[in-house]
Amino acid sequence: MMVLASAKMAHNLAALPQLTIPDELIEAVERDPDAGVDHACEQILKIRDSGAFDGVHLIPVSRYRQVAARLERDL
């Protein structure tokens, strides 16, 4: 799970043919830089709740503290 740390990062990654990032998520990160953290944490919680996997590989980029605080609160 990679956290979109900025709108620029979202646009750069969306330009890669191997990745698909929903336009709504890119727009959310443009409006609120914390939207990338919110989205990643929500996806991690959904994966946990699904029981489909034992864990996730997390790439928080420059948002390590924010992601850690959010997950500590929600897990």
Protein backbone atom coordinates (compact mmCIF):
# COMPACT_ATOMS: atom_id res chain seq x y z
CA MET A 1 0.00 0.00 0.00
CA MET A 2 1.59 3.27 -1.10
CA VAL A 3 0.42 6.51 0.48
CA LEU A 4 -0.13 9.33 -1.99
CA ALA A 5 1.83 12.03 -0.22
CA SER A 6 0.98 14.89 -2.61
CA ALA A 7 -1.01 15.82 -5.69
CA LYS A 8 2.21 15.89 -7.72
CA MET A 9 3.00 12.33 -6.66
CA ALA A 10 -0.54 11.23 -7.53
CA HIS A 11 -0.27 12.74 -11.01
CA ASN A 12 3.18 11.24 -11.60
CA LEU A 13 2.05 7.76 -10.57
CA ALA A 14 -1.19 8.03 -12.54
CA ALA A 15 0.88 8.68 -15.67
CA LEU A 16 2.46 5.21 -15.37
CA PRO A 17 0.64 2.69 -17.57
CA GLN A 18 1.09 -0.05 -14.94
CA LEU A 19 -0.93 1.82 -12.30
CA THR A 20 -4.50 2.97 -12.08
CA ILE A 21 -5.40 5.70 -9.62
CA PRO A 22 -9.04 6.79 -9.57
CA ASP A 23 -9.58 10.39 -10.67
CA GLU A 24 -11.64 10.95 -7.51
CA LEU A 25 -8.63 10.07 -5.35
CA ILE A 26 -6.32 12.38 -7.29
CA GLU A 27 -8.85 15.20 -6.94
CA ALA A 28 -9.20 14.50 -3.22
CA VAL A 29 -5.41 14.72 -2.74
CA GLU A 30 -5.39 17.99 -4.70
CA ARG A 31 -8.00 19.43 -2.30
CA ASP A 32 -6.54 17.95 0.88
CA PRO A 33 -2.98 16.58 1.15
CA ASP A 34 -4.10 14.29 3.98
CA ALA A 35 -6.55 12.50 1.68
CA GLY A 36 -3.78 10.12 0.61
CA VAL A 37 -3.20 9.12 4.23
CA ASP A 38 -6.93 8.73 4.81
CA HIS A 39 -7.40 6.57 1.73
CA ALA A 40 -4.43 4.30 2.47
CA CYS A 41 -5.53 3.76 6.07
CA GLU A 42 -9.11 3.03 5.01
CA GLN A 43 -7.85 0.45 2.49
CA ILE A 44 -5.60 -1.16 5.11
CA LEU A 45 -8.53 -1.49 7.50
CA LYS A 46 -10.70 -3.01 4.74
CA ILE A 47 -7.98 -5.54 3.93
CA ARG A 48 -7.64 -6.43 7.62
CA ASP A 49 -11.40 -6.81 8.02
CA SER A 50 -11.69 -8.96 4.89
CA GLY A 51 -9.33 -11.57 6.28
CA ALA A 52 -8.03 -12.11 2.74
CA PHE A 53 -4.42 -11.35 3.69
CA ASP A 54 -2.29 -11.59 6.81
CA GLY A 55 -0.94 -8.05 6.36
CA VAL A 56 0.09 -5.34 3.93
CA HIS A 57 3.37 -3.93 2.74
CA LEU A 58 3.12 -0.25 3.63
CA ILE A 59 5.06 2.49 1.85
CA PRO A 60 4.18 5.68 3.75
CA VAL A 61 6.60 7.86 1.73
CA SER A 62 6.93 11.11 3.73
CA ARG A 63 3.77 10.50 5.78
CA TYR A 64 5.10 7.89 8.21
CA ARG A 65 4.07 9.68 11.42
CA GLN A 66 0.58 10.49 10.17
CA VAL A 67 -0.05 6.95 8.98
CA ALA A 68 1.33 5.43 12.19
CA ALA A 69 -0.81 7.69 14.39
CA ARG A 70 -3.95 6.95 12.40
CA LEU A 71 -3.41 3.19 12.36
CA GLU A 72 -2.51 3.07 16.06
CA ARG A 73 -5.79 4.83 16.76
CA ASP A 74 -7.87 2.62 14.48
CA LEU A 75 -6.28 -0.79 14.97
